[in-house]
C-alpha atoms as a PDB file:
ATOM      1  CA  MET A   1    -218.584 168.137-106.171  1.00  0.00           C
ATOM      2  CA  ALA A   2    -216.923 165.549-108.254  1.00  0.00           C
ATOM      3  CA  ASP A   3    -217.729 167.473-111.661  1.00  0.00           C
ATOM      4  CA  LYS A   4    -215.796 170.717-110.381  1.00  0.00           C
ATOM      5  CA  GLU A   5    -212.502 169.267-109.324  1.00  0.00           C
ATOM      6  CA  PRO A   6    -211.318 168.707-112.964  1.00  0.00           C
ATOM      7  CA  VAL A   7    -212.036 172.214-113.818  1.00  0.00           C
ATOM      8  CA  VAL A   8    -209.580 173.521-110.840  1.00  0.00           C
ATOM      9  CA  GLU A   9    -206.867 171.198-112.065  1.00  0.00           C
ATOM     10  CA  ARG A  10    -207.112 172.538-115.688  1.00  0.00           C
ATOM     11  CA  HIS A  11    -206.827 176.089-114.596  1.00  0.00           C
ATOM     12  CA  VAL A  12    -203.702 175.528-112.553  1.00  0.00           C
ATOM     13  CA  ALA A  13    -202.217 173.546-115.490  1.00  0.00           C
ATOM     14  CA  GLU A  14    -202.974 176.354-118.000  1.00  0.00           C
ATOM     15  CA  GLU A  15    -201.415 179.061-115.579  1.00  0.00           C
ATOM     16  CA  GLU A  16    -198.179 176.788-115.191  1.00  0.00           C
ATOM     17  CA  GLY A  17    -198.034 176.550-119.073  1.00  0.00           C
ATOM     18  CA  GLU A  18    -198.223 180.333-119.366  1.00  0.00           C
ATOM     19  CA  ASP A  19    -195.523 180.723-116.751  1.00  0.00           C
ATOM     20  CA  SER A  20    -193.236 178.382-118.727  1.00  0.00           C
ATOM     21  CA  SER A  21    -193.755 180.013-121.883  1.00  0.00           C
ATOM     22  CA  SER A  22    -192.784 183.453-120.380  1.00  0.00           C
ATOM     23  CA  ALA A  23    -189.683 182.150-118.738  1.00  0.00           C
ATOM     24  CA  ALA A  24    -188.732 180.661-122.026  1.00  0.00           C
ATOM     25  CA  ALA A  25    -189.349 183.946-123.915  1.00  0.00           C
ATOM     26  CA  ALA A  26    -187.451 185.800-121.195  1.00  0.00           C
ATOM     27  CA  VAL A  27    -184.565 183.529-121.540  1.00  0.00           C
ATOM     28  CA  ALA A  28    -184.582 183.757-125.506  1.00  0.00           C
ATOM     29  CA  GLY A  29    -184.482 187.466-125.013  1.00  0.00           C
ATOM     30  CA  GLU A  30    -181.522 187.466-122.964  1.00  0.00           C
ATOM     31  CA  GLU A  31    -179.799 185.317-125.279  1.00  0.00           C
ATOM     32  CA  GLU A  32    -180.758 187.277-128.523  1.00  0.00           C
ATOM     33  CA  ASP A  33    -177.856 189.349-129.634  1.00  0.00           C
ATOM     34  CA  THR A  34    -178.853 192.739-130.554  1.00  0.00           C
ATOM     35  CA  GLY A  35    -175.337 194.004-131.961  1.00  0.00           C
ATOM     36  CA  ALA A  36    -175.263 197.102-129.888  1.00  0.00           C
ATOM     37  CA  GLN A  37    -172.030 198.276-128.688  1.00  0.00           C
ATOM     38  CA  VAL A  38    -171.637 200.477-125.492  1.00  0.00           C
ATOM     39  CA  ALA A  39    -168.748 202.770-125.360  1.00  0.00           C
ATOM     40  CA  PRO A  40    -166.856 203.067-122.180  1.00  0.00           C
ATOM     41  CA  ILE A  41    -167.512 206.049-119.974  1.00  0.00           C
ATOM     42  CA  VAL A  42    -163.843 206.755-119.069  1.00  0.00           C
ATOM     43  CA  ARG A  43    -161.115 205.763-121.604  1.00  0.00           C
ATOM     44  CA  LEU A  44    -157.735 204.800-119.643  1.00  0.00           C
ATOM     45  CA  GLU A  45    -154.451 205.259-121.248  1.00  0.00           C
ATOM     46  CA  GLU A  46    -151.359 203.646-120.436  1.00  0.00           C
ATOM     47  CA  VAL A  47    -148.869 205.711-118.485  1.00  0.00           C
ATOM     48  CA  ALA A  48    -145.016 205.232-118.283  1.00  0.00           C
ATOM     49  CA  VAL A  49    -144.031 204.671-114.606  1.00  0.00           C
ATOM     50  CA  THR A  50    -140.536 205.676-113.817  1.00  0.00           C
ATOM     51  CA  THR A  51    -138.644 204.862-110.604  1.00  0.00           C
ATOM     52  CA  GLY A  52    -135.481 207.021-111.161  1.00  0.00           C
ATOM     53  CA  GLU A  53    -133.331 203.671-111.178  1.00  0.00           C
ATOM     54  CA  GLU A  54    -133.327 203.539-115.188  1.00  0.00           C
ATOM     55  CA  ASP A  55    -129.682 204.822-115.371  1.00  0.00           C
ATOM     56  CA  GLU A  56    -128.373 202.625-112.644  1.00  0.00           C
ATOM     57  CA  GLU A  57    -127.283 198.863-112.148  1.00  0.00           C
ATOM     58  CA  SER A  58    -128.330 196.809-108.954  1.00  0.00           C
ATOM     59  CA  LEU A  59    -125.125 195.489-107.137  1.00  0.00           C
ATOM     60  CA  VAL A  60    -127.130 194.016-104.526  1.00  0.00           C
ATOM     61  CA  ASP A  61    -130.897 193.315-103.788  1.00  0.00           C
ATOM     62  CA  MET A  62    -132.124 191.785-100.571  1.00  0.00           C
ATOM     63  CA  LYS A  63    -135.200 191.835 -98.256  1.00  0.00           C
ATOM     64  CA  ALA A  64    -134.660 193.499 -94.802  1.00  0.00           C
ATOM     65  CA  LYS A  65    -136.262 195.511 -92.109  1.00  0.00           C
ATOM     66  CA  LEU A  66    -134.950 198.858 -91.492  1.00  0.00           C
ATOM     67  CA  TYR A  67    -134.998 201.206 -88.276  1.00  0.00           C
ATOM     68  CA  ARG A  68    -134.171 204.858 -87.325  1.00  0.00           C
ATOM     69  CA  PHE A  69    -133.011 206.042 -84.242  1.00  0.00           C
ATOM     70  CA  ASP A  70    -135.320 208.692 -82.725  1.00  0.00           C
ATOM     71  CA  LYS A  71    -133.243 211.073 -80.983  1.00  0.00           C
ATOM     72  CA  ASP A  72    -135.954 212.910 -79.461  1.00  0.00           C
ATOM     73  CA  GLY A  73    -137.473 209.550 -77.875  1.00  0.00           C
ATOM     74  CA  ASN A  74    -134.043 207.919 -77.429  1.00  0.00           C
ATOM     75  CA  GLN A  75    -135.229 204.936 -78.961  1.00  0.00           C
ATOM     76  CA  TRP A  76    -135.342 202.650 -82.126  1.00  0.00           C
ATOM     77  CA  LYS A  77    -138.208 203.046 -84.407  1.00  0.00           C
ATOM     78  CA  GLU A  78    -139.214 200.777 -87.285  1.00  0.00           C
ATOM     79  CA  ARG A  79    -139.011 202.673 -90.650  1.00  0.00           C
ATOM     80  CA  GLY A  80    -140.154 199.597 -92.802  1.00  0.00           C
ATOM     81  CA  THR A  81    -139.909 196.253 -94.327  1.00  0.00           C
ATOM     82  CA  GLY A  82    -138.950 195.655 -97.839  1.00  0.00           C
ATOM     83  CA  THR A  83    -136.217 195.471-100.262  1.00  0.00           C
ATOM     84  CA  VAL A  84    -132.743 197.419 -99.847  1.00  0.00           C
ATOM     85  CA  LYS A  85    -130.566 197.870-102.990  1.00  0.00           C
ATOM     86  CA  LEU A  86    -126.956 199.321-103.746  1.00  0.00           C
ATOM     87  CA  LEU A  87    -127.403 201.010-107.196  1.00  0.00           C
ATOM     88  CA  LYS A  88    -124.545 202.363-109.277  1.00  0.00           C
ATOM     89  CA  HIS A  89    -124.988 204.900-111.673  1.00  0.00           C
ATOM     90  CA  LYS A  90    -123.914 203.874-115.147  1.00  0.00           C
ATOM     91  CA  GLU A  91    -122.259 207.308-116.310  1.00  0.00           C
ATOM     92  CA  ASN A  92    -120.811 208.942-112.974  1.00  0.00           C
ATOM     93  CA  GLY A  93    -120.299 205.504-111.073  1.00  0.00           C
ATOM     94  CA  LYS A  94    -121.620 206.954-107.753  1.00  0.00           C
ATOM     95  CA  VAL A  95    -123.386 204.546-105.573  1.00  0.00           C
ATOM     96  CA  ARG A  96    -126.566 204.881-103.347  1.00  0.00           C
ATOM     97  CA  LEU A  97    -128.367 202.882-100.996  1.00  0.00           C
ATOM     98  CA  VAL A  98    -132.192 202.753-101.724  1.00  0.00           C
ATOM     99  CA  MET A  99    -134.714 200.913 -99.606  1.00  0.00           C
ATOM    100  CA  ARG A 100    -138.579 200.786-100.339  1.00  0.00           C
ATOM    101  CA  GLN A 101    -141.362 199.490 -98.182  1.00  0.00           C
ATOM    102  CA  ALA A 102    -142.800 196.141 -99.663  1.00  0.00           C
ATOM    103  CA  LYS A 103    -146.400 197.058-100.146  1.00  0.00           C
ATOM    104  CA  THR A 104    -146.575 200.783-100.910  1.00  0.00           C
ATOM    105  CA  LEU A 105    -143.123 200.960-102.263  1.00  0.00           C
ATOM    106  CA  LYS A 106    -142.550 204.175-100.388  1.00  0.00           C
ATOM    107  CA  ILE A 107    -138.851 205.197 -99.987  1.00  0.00           C
ATOM    108  CA  CYS A 108    -137.701 204.805 -96.440  1.00  0.00           C
ATOM    109  CA  ALA A 109    -133.953 205.273 -97.152  1.00  0.00           C
ATOM    110  CA  ASN A 110    -131.967 207.145 -99.930  1.00  0.00           C
ATOM    111  CA  HIS A 111    -128.430 208.236 -99.700  1.00  0.00           C
ATOM    112  CA  LEU A 112    -125.051 208.022-101.449  1.00  0.00           C
ATOM    113  CA  VAL A 113    -122.315 205.432 -99.989  1.00  0.00           C
ATOM    114  CA  ILE A 114    -119.479 207.846 -99.568  1.00  0.00           C
ATOM    115  CA  SER A 115    -115.698 207.396 -98.288  1.00  0.00           C
ATOM    116  CA  THR A 116    -116.647 207.927 -94.601  1.00  0.00           C
ATOM    117  CA  THR A 117    -119.642 205.535 -94.845  1.00  0.00           C
ATOM    118  CA  LYS A 118    -118.954 202.930 -92.242  1.00  0.00           C
ATOM    119  CA  MET A 119    -121.109 199.799 -91.372  1.00  0.00           C
ATOM    120  CA  GLN A 120    -120.655 198.283 -87.869  1.00  0.00           C
ATOM    121  CA  GLU A 121    -122.113 195.258 -86.577  1.00  0.00           C
ATOM    122  CA  HIS A 122    -125.073 195.927 -84.219  1.00  0.00           C
ATOM    123  CA  ALA A 123    -124.532 194.817 -80.466  1.00  0.00           C
ATOM    124  CA  GLY A 124    -126.309 191.644 -79.615  1.00  0.00           C
ATOM    125  CA  SER A 125    -127.327 190.614 -83.291  1.00  0.00           C
ATOM    126  CA  ASP A 126    -124.943 189.212 -85.937  1.00  0.00           C
ATOM    127  CA  LYS A 127    -127.767 189.806 -88.398  1.00  0.00           C
ATOM    128  CA  SER A 128    -127.931 193.475 -88.070  1.00  0.00           C
ATOM    129  CA  CYS A 129    -125.612 196.354 -88.704  1.00  0.00           C
ATOM    130  CA  VAL A 130    -125.865 200.063 -88.121  1.00  0.00           C
ATOM    131  CA  TRP A 131    -124.482 203.190 -89.862  1.00  0.00           C
ATOM    132  CA  HIS A 132    -124.797 207.097 -89.993  1.00  0.00           C
ATOM    133  CA  ALA A 133    -125.763 208.758 -93.280  1.00  0.00           C
ATOM    134  CA  ALA A 134    -127.207 212.065 -94.757  1.00  0.00           C
ATOM    135  CA  ASP A 135    -130.461 210.668 -95.922  1.00  0.00           C
ATOM    136  CA  PHE A 136    -132.990 212.161 -98.371  1.00  0.00           C
ATOM    137  CA  ALA A 137    -135.784 209.747 -98.137  1.00  0.00           C
ATOM    138  CA  ASP A 138    -138.166 212.577 -97.007  1.00  0.00           C
ATOM    139  CA  GLY A 139    -137.069 214.876 -99.329  1.00  0.00           C
ATOM    140  CA  GLU A 140    -134.566 216.899 -97.430  1.00  0.00           C
ATOM    141  CA  LEU A 141    -131.043 216.015 -96.091  1.00  0.00           C
ATOM    142  CA  LYS A 142    -131.192 214.671 -92.666  1.00  0.00           C
ATOM    143  CA  ASP A 143    -128.448 213.232 -90.512  1.00  0.00           C
ATOM    144  CA  GLU A 144    -129.973 209.720 -89.656  1.00  0.00           C
ATOM    145  CA  MET A 145    -128.596 206.808 -87.875  1.00  0.00           C
ATOM    146  CA  PHE A 146    -129.872 203.522 -89.275  1.00  0.00           C
ATOM    147  CA  ALA A 147    -130.079 199.760 -88.488  1.00  0.00           C
ATOM    148  CA  ILE A 148    -131.055 197.231 -90.616  1.00  0.00           C
ATOM    149  CA  ARG A 149    -131.821 193.414 -89.937  1.00  0.00           C
ATOM    150  CA  PHE A 150    -131.566 190.729 -92.592  1.00  0.00           C
ATOM    151  CA  GLY A 151    -132.849 187.245 -92.608  1.00  0.00           C
ATOM    152  CA  SER A 152    -129.681 185.489 -92.352  1.00  0.00           C
ATOM    153  CA  VAL A 153    -125.982 186.286 -91.119  1.00  0.00           C
ATOM    154  CA  GLU A 154    -124.709 185.529 -94.775  1.00  0.00           C
ATOM    155  CA  ASN A 155    -126.852 188.472 -96.102  1.00  0.00           C
ATOM    156  CA  CYS A 156    -126.000 190.849 -93.379  1.00  0.00           C
ATOM    157  CA  LYS A 157    -122.056 189.993 -94.064  1.00  0.00           C
ATOM    158  CA  LYS A 158    -122.428 190.203 -97.828  1.00  0.00           C
ATOM    159  CA  PHE A 159    -124.259 193.738 -97.514  1.00  0.00           C
ATOM    160  CA  LYS A 160    -121.800 195.085 -94.982  1.00  0.00           C
ATOM    161  CA  ASP A 161    -118.776 193.833 -96.772  1.00  0.00           C
ATOM    162  CA  LEU A 162    -119.994 195.524-100.046  1.00  0.00           C
ATOM    163  CA  VAL A 163    -120.601 198.895 -98.497  1.00  0.00           C
ATOM    164  CA  ASP A 164    -117.258 198.729 -96.751  1.00  0.00           C
ATOM    165  CA  GLU A 165    -115.591 198.010-100.061  1.00  0.00           C
ATOM    166  CA  ILE A 166    -117.239 200.806-101.790  1.00  0.00           C
ATOM    167  CA  ALA A 167    -116.381 203.189 -99.014  1.00  0.00           C
ATOM    168  CA  GLU A 168    -112.598 202.191 -99.113  1.00  0.00           C
ATOM    169  CA  SER A 169    -112.470 202.391-102.766  1.00  0.00           C
ATOM    170  CA  LEU A 170    -113.747 206.086-102.753  1.00  0.00           C
ATOM    171  CA  ALA A 171    -111.340 207.205-100.042  1.00  0.00           C
ATOM    172  CA  LYS A 172    -108.341 205.604-101.999  1.00  0.00           C
ATOM    173  CA  THR A 173    -109.518 207.505-104.785  1.00  0.00           C
ATOM    174  CA  GLU A 174    -109.904 210.557-103.081  1.00  0.00           C
ATOM    175  CA  GLY A 175    -106.687 210.158-101.260  1.00  0.00           C
ATOM    176  CA  GLU A 176    -104.815 209.858-104.710  1.00  0.00           C
ATOM    177  CA  SER A 177    -106.705 212.985-106.164  1.00  0.00           C
ATOM    178  CA  GLU A 178    -105.340 214.938-103.037  1.00  0.00           C
ATOM    179  CA  GLU A 179    -101.901 213.731-103.725  1.00  0.00           C
ATOM    180  CA  GLY A 180    -101.869 214.720-107.278  1.00  0.00           C
ATOM    181  CA  SER A 181    -103.250 218.193-106.480  1.00  0.00           C
ATOM    182  CA  SER A 182    -100.569 218.611-104.004  1.00  0.00           C
ATOM    183  CA  ALA A 183     -97.947 217.655-106.375  1.00  0.00           C
ATOM    184  CA  ALA A 184     -99.230 219.726-109.065  1.00  0.00           C
ATOM    185  CA  GLY A 185     -99.275 222.817-106.412  1.00  0.00           C
ATOM    186  CA  LEU A 186     -95.627 222.037-105.442  1.00  0.00           C
ATOM    187  CA  LEU A 187     -94.553 221.819-109.066  1.00  0.00           C
ATOM    188  CA  GLU A 188     -96.267 225.179-109.613  1.00  0.00           C
ATOM    189  CA  LYS A 189     -94.546 226.719-106.724  1.00  0.00           C
ATOM    190  CA  LEU A 190     -91.080 225.467-107.753  1.00  0.00           C
ATOM    191  CA  SER A 191     -91.371 226.716-111.346  1.00  0.00           C
ATOM    192  CA  VAL A 192     -92.520 230.263-109.943  1.00  0.00           C
ATOM    193  CA  SER A 193     -89.694 230.127-107.414  1.00  0.00           C
ATOM    194  CA  GLU A 194     -87.173 229.121-110.278  1.00  0.00           C
ATOM    195  CA  SER A 195     -88.202 231.930-112.554  1.00  0.00           C
ATOM    196  CA  LYS A 196     -87.853 234.681-109.948  1.00  0.00           C
ATOM    197  CA  PRO A 197     -83.977 234.476-109.802  1.00  0.00           C
ATOM    198  CA  GLU A 198     -83.924 234.802-113.468  1.00  0.00           C
ATOM    199  CA  GLU A 199     -85.973 237.681-113.322  1.00  0.00           C
ATOM    200  CA  SER A 200     -83.872 239.343-110.483  1.00  0.00           C
ATOM    201  CA  ALA A 201     -80.795 238.547-112.459  1.00  0.00           C
ATOM    202  CA  LYS A 202     -82.056 240.183-115.533  1.00  0.00           C
ATOM    203  CA  LYS A 203     -83.504 243.209-113.469  1.00  0.00           C
ATOM    204  CA  GLU A 204     -79.866 243.643-112.027  1.00  0.00           C
ATOM    205  CA  GLU A 205     -78.134 243.379-115.458  1.00  0.00           C
ATOM    206  CA  SER A 206     -80.403 246.195-116.752  1.00  0.00           C
ATOM    207  CA  ALA A 207     -79.941 248.400-113.610  1.00  0.00           C
ATOM    208  CA  ASP A 208     -76.021 247.932-114.168  1.00  0.00           C
ATOM    209  CA  ALA A 209     -76.206 248.821-117.799  1.00  0.00           C
ATOM    210  CA  GLY A 210     -78.412 251.997-117.024  1.00  0.00           C
ATOM    211  CA  LYS A 211     -75.760 253.119-114.353  1.00  0.00           C
ATOM    212  CA  GLU A 212     -72.926 252.549-117.004  1.00  0.00           C
ATOM    213  CA  THR A 213     -74.647 254.477-119.388  1.00  0.00           C
ATOM    214  CA  GLU A 214     -75.315 257.412-117.102  1.00  0.00           C
ATOM    215  CA  THR A 215     -71.571 257.293-115.913  1.00  0.00           C
ATOM    216  CA  LYS A 216     -70.319 257.474-119.403  1.00  0.00           C
ATOM    217  CA  THR A 217     -72.764 260.389-120.193  1.00  0.00           C
ATOM    218  CA  GLU A 218     -71.500 262.379-117.171  1.00  0.00           C
ATOM    219  CA  ALA A 219     -67.763 261.924-118.240  1.00  0.00           C
ATOM    220  CA  THR A 220     -68.194 263.087-121.777  1.00  0.00           C
ATOM    221  CA  PRO A 221     -67.106 266.923-121.664  1.00  0.00           C
ATOM    222  CA  ALA A 222     -69.436 269.448-123.159  1.00  0.00           C
ATOM    223  CA  GLU A 223     -68.454 271.055-126.315  1.00  0.00           C
END
């Protein structure tokens, strides 16, 4: 019995040595650089992303929560939480209100600020204001009633005052244009009415001259 024990231990040691050698060979094979290059299955190309705001400058950019009034349910429904902007076009000077949801960037408000746009403080909250607009966020014009809530009273006041200022400026410009058109129309009418008496006088002179010629012809005796 004493002679067989060393043989068993020797076999175990040999097996452990073989395992160690195999593991070392495997590690060496993994670290060996074969120099092979694997081409990607799909090649991704850079795509230019446009937001439609490239030709506009931002007048204001604030975080807020937007609501729209559901006429059918007669209640306010949340439209989204994100960033509201007032964007002025660099060429035509038009200003529009745009708001996108924070995570999806989906547009939840998109309409022009016009002369009749009127921001009003929301009853019971000095951080909110409401207004009516012909909105195009869903791809078609809809008459919507919005309410927006800001994080502070200061932001709400700044936003409201800026919208009111833009609307008043547009109303003043439109009023001046209408006055100019009216004045131009009045001048045109005056010039037309002034020319009519002159034309009438000329016609009367021509008629009198014709009558005088006829009278002389009748008075001349026939030979």
